[in-house]
Protein backbone atom coordinates (compact mmCIF):
# COMPACT_ATOMS: atom_id res chain seq x y z
CA MET A 1 23.41 -24.10 -19.12
CA THR A 2 26.35 -21.89 -18.30
CA GLY A 3 29.34 -22.71 -16.18
CA ALA A 4 29.43 -22.14 -12.45
CA GLY A 5 29.69 -18.58 -11.20
CA GLU A 6 30.56 -17.20 -7.79
CA GLY A 7 30.07 -19.69 -5.00
CA GLY A 8 29.48 -22.43 -7.56
CA TRP A 9 26.11 -21.01 -8.59
CA ALA A 10 25.55 -20.60 -12.33
CA ARG A 11 22.67 -18.18 -11.79
CA LEU A 12 20.84 -16.59 -8.89
CA ALA A 13 17.16 -15.75 -8.46
CA LEU A 14 14.75 -14.12 -6.03
CA TYR A 15 11.71 -16.22 -5.26
CA TYR A 16 8.68 -16.22 -3.02
CA THR A 17 8.63 -19.47 -1.07
CA LEU A 18 5.88 -20.73 1.19
CA PRO A 19 6.41 -20.86 4.96
CA PRO A 20 8.47 -23.97 5.76
CA GLY A 21 6.36 -26.81 7.08
CA SER A 22 3.06 -25.15 6.19
CA PRO A 23 0.38 -27.50 4.76
CA LEU A 24 0.67 -26.13 1.23
CA GLU A 25 4.46 -26.19 1.31
CA ARG A 26 4.46 -29.83 2.43
CA LEU A 27 1.90 -31.00 -0.13
CA GLY A 28 3.39 -28.99 -2.99
CA THR A 29 6.94 -30.11 -2.26
CA ALA A 30 5.84 -33.74 -2.04
CA TRP A 31 4.03 -33.39 -5.38
CA LEU A 32 7.11 -32.01 -7.15
CA GLY A 33 9.36 -34.57 -5.52
CA ARG A 34 12.12 -32.14 -4.56
CA ASP A 35 12.69 -29.85 -1.58
CA LEU A 36 14.03 -26.43 -2.60
CA ALA A 37 15.38 -25.79 0.92
CA THR A 38 17.25 -29.08 1.42
CA GLY A 39 17.79 -30.30 -2.13
CA LEU A 40 16.44 -33.71 -1.18
CA GLU A 41 14.59 -35.60 -3.89
CA ASN A 42 11.93 -38.27 -3.55
CA PRO A 43 9.49 -39.79 -6.04
CA PRO A 44 6.67 -37.27 -6.57
CA THR A 45 3.31 -38.00 -4.98
CA LYS A 46 1.32 -40.40 -7.14
CA LEU A 47 -2.19 -38.99 -7.42
CA GLY A 48 -5.25 -40.88 -8.56
CA GLY A 49 -6.63 -39.97 -11.96
CA LEU A 50 -3.43 -38.63 -13.53
CA PRO A 51 -3.27 -39.17 -17.30
CA ARG A 52 0.52 -39.57 -17.17
CA ALA A 53 3.12 -40.52 -14.58
CA ALA A 54 3.73 -37.90 -11.91
CA GLU A 55 7.47 -38.09 -12.65
CA GLU A 56 6.81 -36.98 -16.23
CA ILE A 57 4.38 -34.20 -15.30
CA THR A 58 6.73 -32.70 -12.71
CA ARG A 59 10.06 -33.16 -14.52
CA GLY A 60 10.45 -29.49 -15.49
CA PRO A 61 9.34 -27.71 -12.30
CA ARG A 62 11.21 -30.24 -10.12
CA ARG A 63 14.49 -28.52 -11.09
CA TYR A 64 13.27 -25.22 -9.69
CA GLY A 65 11.40 -26.43 -6.61
CA LEU A 66 8.16 -25.03 -5.22
CA HIS A 67 8.29 -21.26 -5.65
CA ALA A 68 6.96 -18.15 -7.36
CA THR A 69 9.52 -16.17 -9.35
CA LEU A 70 9.93 -12.50 -8.39
CA LYS A 71 13.24 -11.79 -10.16
CA ASN A 72 14.03 -14.26 -12.89
CA PRO A 73 17.31 -16.26 -12.72
CA PHE A 74 20.30 -14.10 -13.66
CA ARG A 75 24.09 -14.17 -13.73
CA LEU A 76 25.88 -11.75 -11.43
CA ALA A 77 27.01 -8.52 -13.05
CA PRO A 78 30.74 -7.74 -13.14
CA GLY A 79 31.79 -5.85 -10.04
CA THR A 80 29.08 -7.36 -7.86
CA SER A 81 29.22 -10.36 -5.53
CA LEU A 82 26.98 -12.93 -3.94
CA ALA A 83 27.81 -11.51 -0.51
CA ALA A 84 26.77 -8.02 -1.60
CA LEU A 85 23.56 -9.36 -3.12
CA ALA A 86 22.69 -11.28 0.05
CA GLN A 87 23.35 -8.18 2.16
CA SER A 88 21.12 -6.12 -0.12
CA VAL A 89 18.30 -8.68 0.02
CA ALA A 90 18.55 -8.80 3.82
CA ALA A 91 18.28 -5.02 4.07
CA PHE A 92 15.40 -4.93 1.59
CA ALA A 93 13.44 -7.60 3.50
CA ALA A 94 14.08 -5.91 6.84
CA ALA A 95 12.53 -2.69 5.52
CA ARG A 96 9.35 -4.25 4.07
CA ALA A 97 6.30 -5.35 5.98
CA THR A 98 4.49 -8.61 5.37
CA LEU A 99 1.98 -8.29 2.54
CA PRO A 100 -1.72 -9.17 2.83
CA PRO A 101 -2.33 -12.94 2.68
CA VAL A 102 -3.39 -14.32 -0.70
CA ARG A 103 -5.85 -17.09 -1.48
CA LEU A 104 -4.55 -19.41 -4.21
CA ARG A 105 -6.21 -21.78 -6.66
CA VAL A 106 -5.04 -24.28 -9.27
CA SER A 107 -5.27 -22.76 -12.74
CA ALA A 108 -4.02 -23.31 -16.27
CA LEU A 109 -1.44 -20.79 -17.46
CA GLY A 110 -1.05 -21.59 -21.12
CA PRO A 111 0.14 -25.21 -21.37
CA PHE A 112 1.00 -25.73 -17.69
CA LEU A 113 -0.72 -25.73 -14.31
CA ALA A 114 0.10 -23.39 -11.44
CA LEU A 115 -1.20 -21.91 -8.23
CA VAL A 116 -2.40 -18.35 -8.86
CA PRO A 117 -4.23 -15.76 -6.72
CA GLU A 118 -8.02 -16.13 -6.68
CA GLY A 119 -8.41 -12.44 -7.51
CA PRO A 120 -6.42 -9.26 -8.06
CA ALA A 121 -3.42 -8.85 -5.76
CA PRO A 122 -2.15 -5.30 -6.43
CA GLU A 123 0.13 -5.19 -3.37
CA LEU A 124 1.82 -8.39 -4.49
CA ASP A 125 2.21 -7.14 -8.06
CA ALA A 126 3.77 -3.91 -6.78
CA PHE A 127 6.11 -5.85 -4.51
CA ALA A 128 7.28 -8.02 -7.42
CA ALA A 129 7.96 -4.92 -9.53
CA GLU A 130 9.94 -3.38 -6.67
CA VAL A 131 12.06 -6.55 -6.38
CA VAL A 132 12.82 -6.46 -10.11
CA ARG A 133 13.86 -2.79 -10.00
CA THR A 134 15.82 -2.92 -6.74
CA PHE A 135 18.08 -5.82 -7.68
CA GLU A 136 18.59 -4.92 -11.33
CA PRO A 137 22.14 -3.64 -10.67
CA PHE A 138 23.16 -7.20 -9.75
CA ARG A 139 22.03 -8.68 -13.09
CA ALA A 140 24.56 -9.25 -15.86
CA PRO A 141 23.42 -8.19 -19.34
CA LEU A 142 21.59 -10.70 -21.50
CA THR A 143 23.70 -12.82 -23.78
CA GLU A 144 22.67 -13.33 -27.38
CA ALA A 145 21.77 -16.92 -26.48
CA ASP A 146 19.50 -15.66 -23.68
CA ARG A 147 17.82 -13.22 -26.03
CA ALA A 148 17.31 -15.76 -28.81
CA ARG A 149 15.84 -18.32 -26.42
CA ARG A 150 13.26 -15.87 -25.11
CA GLN A 151 12.40 -14.50 -28.54
CA ALA A 152 11.85 -18.00 -29.91
CA ALA A 153 8.77 -18.29 -27.69
CA GLY A 154 7.12 -15.39 -29.52
CA LEU A 155 6.90 -12.09 -27.65
CA SER A 156 4.69 -9.06 -28.03
CA VAL A 157 6.29 -5.69 -28.70
CA ARG A 158 5.89 -4.76 -25.04
CA GLN A 159 7.33 -8.06 -23.85
CA GLN A 160 10.32 -7.52 -26.10
CA GLU A 161 10.84 -4.09 -24.53
CA LEU A 162 10.66 -5.58 -21.04
CA LEU A 163 13.12 -8.31 -22.02
CA GLU A 164 15.65 -5.71 -23.15
CA ARG A 165 15.13 -3.48 -20.09
CA TRP A 166 14.85 -6.05 -17.30
CA GLY A 167 16.18 -9.30 -18.77
CA TYR A 168 12.80 -11.03 -18.68
CA PRO A 169 9.58 -10.39 -20.64
CA PHE A 170 7.05 -11.21 -17.93
CA VAL A 171 7.62 -8.43 -15.41
CA MET A 172 5.84 -5.20 -14.45
CA GLU A 173 2.37 -5.14 -16.07
CA GLU A 174 3.11 -8.53 -17.73
CA PHE A 175 3.80 -10.18 -14.37
CA ARG A 176 1.44 -12.78 -13.00
CA PHE A 177 2.22 -14.36 -9.66
CA HIS A 178 2.24 -18.14 -9.96
CA ILE A 179 3.69 -21.25 -8.33
CA THR A 180 4.31 -23.78 -11.09
CA LEU A 181 2.95 -27.29 -10.57
CA SER A 182 3.52 -28.99 -13.93
CA GLY A 183 5.51 -28.94 -17.11
CA ARG A 184 3.88 -28.48 -20.49
CA LEU A 185 0.73 -30.57 -20.80
CA ALA A 186 -1.12 -31.72 -23.87
CA PRO A 187 -4.61 -30.18 -24.03
CA GLU A 188 -6.23 -33.58 -23.55
CA ASP A 189 -4.21 -34.15 -20.33
CA MET A 190 -5.03 -30.81 -18.74
CA PRO A 191 -8.50 -31.49 -17.22
CA ALA A 192 -7.60 -34.73 -15.44
CA THR A 193 -4.29 -33.37 -14.15
CA ARG A 194 -5.96 -30.24 -12.86
CA ALA A 195 -8.69 -32.23 -11.11
CA ALA A 196 -6.12 -34.49 -9.44
CA LEU A 197 -4.10 -31.52 -8.20
CA GLU A 198 -7.17 -29.68 -6.95
CA ALA A 199 -8.16 -32.74 -4.93
CA HIS A 200 -4.63 -33.16 -3.57
CA LEU A 201 -4.14 -29.52 -2.57
CA SER A 202 -7.67 -28.50 -1.60
CA PRO A 203 -7.19 -28.97 2.18
CA ALA A 204 -4.24 -26.58 2.13
CA LEU A 205 -5.87 -24.07 -0.22
CA ALA A 206 -8.67 -23.36 2.23
CA GLU A 207 -6.43 -20.82 3.98
CA ALA A 208 -4.74 -17.77 2.47
CA VAL A 209 -0.95 -17.91 2.33
CA PRO A 210 1.20 -15.20 3.93
CA ILE A 211 3.56 -13.21 1.71
CA ASN A 212 6.14 -12.81 4.42
CA ALA A 213 9.61 -13.54 3.00
CA LEU A 214 11.95 -13.18 0.06
CA SER A 215 14.18 -16.12 -0.81
CA LEU A 216 17.59 -15.94 -2.47
CA CYS A 217 18.18 -19.07 -4.54
CA GLY A 218 21.03 -20.42 -6.65
CA GLU A 219 21.29 -22.77 -9.61
CA ASP A 220 23.84 -25.57 -9.39
CA GLY A 221 25.89 -26.99 -12.23
CA GLU A 222 23.18 -29.49 -13.11
CA GLY A 223 20.45 -26.87 -13.48
CA ARG A 224 18.74 -27.46 -10.13
CA PHE A 225 17.88 -24.57 -7.83
CA HIS A 226 18.57 -24.45 -4.09
CA MET A 227 17.40 -22.02 -1.46
CA LEU A 228 20.38 -20.13 -0.07
CA THR A 229 18.56 -17.93 2.46
CA ARG A 230 14.93 -17.12 3.18
CA PHE A 231 14.73 -13.53 4.43
CA PRO A 232 11.59 -12.68 6.47
CA LEU A 233 9.84 -9.38 5.74
CA THR A 234 10.12 -7.62 9.07
CA GLY A 235 9.69 -3.91 8.30
């Protein structure tokens, strides 16, 4: 964890966040036990059938809040500012139209559970790539510690190239839209946790979610993220 940057934020990020007060936003936020928009924390929803305590399962994603990453957390580049970034995000959002709604489902992504699109979402993938490219000038270069941490996870040759170019290995063709619901799970805990989350979220997953905003978020000194502004797509 680095020290605080401009405005007290150690890092900044661009996220997709669900419409405030929507059924999926309410249920997902209650499950994680932390509201990205307000910073308020409550005990996560205790679901029947969980193999471990909800507090343990949600400990990792609780720091970040309910979101899908579009541009991974980054430190501001020298010569840029939070005000300039916010102005750029506002202009970007004002020039882009709302994307087609996306149906989501609970799925395993490696050792954790997340909400992912039911099928291909090419418009969403293209939007994410555009976000990465557009706001790259605001990202400070990787530190050696950043690079070593990412490489320790084991990257393909292409992922290594993306890490060096964009500061994150899972962008462009390696990107997969997802809203994280759990930390790392043991294989034997995955089925029961997934079933409990599917039952909890199923009423809200019946409807597709609108991709209608871009959220600028900041990381505080304790490693928790907060929504700074949610910019509607109004182009």
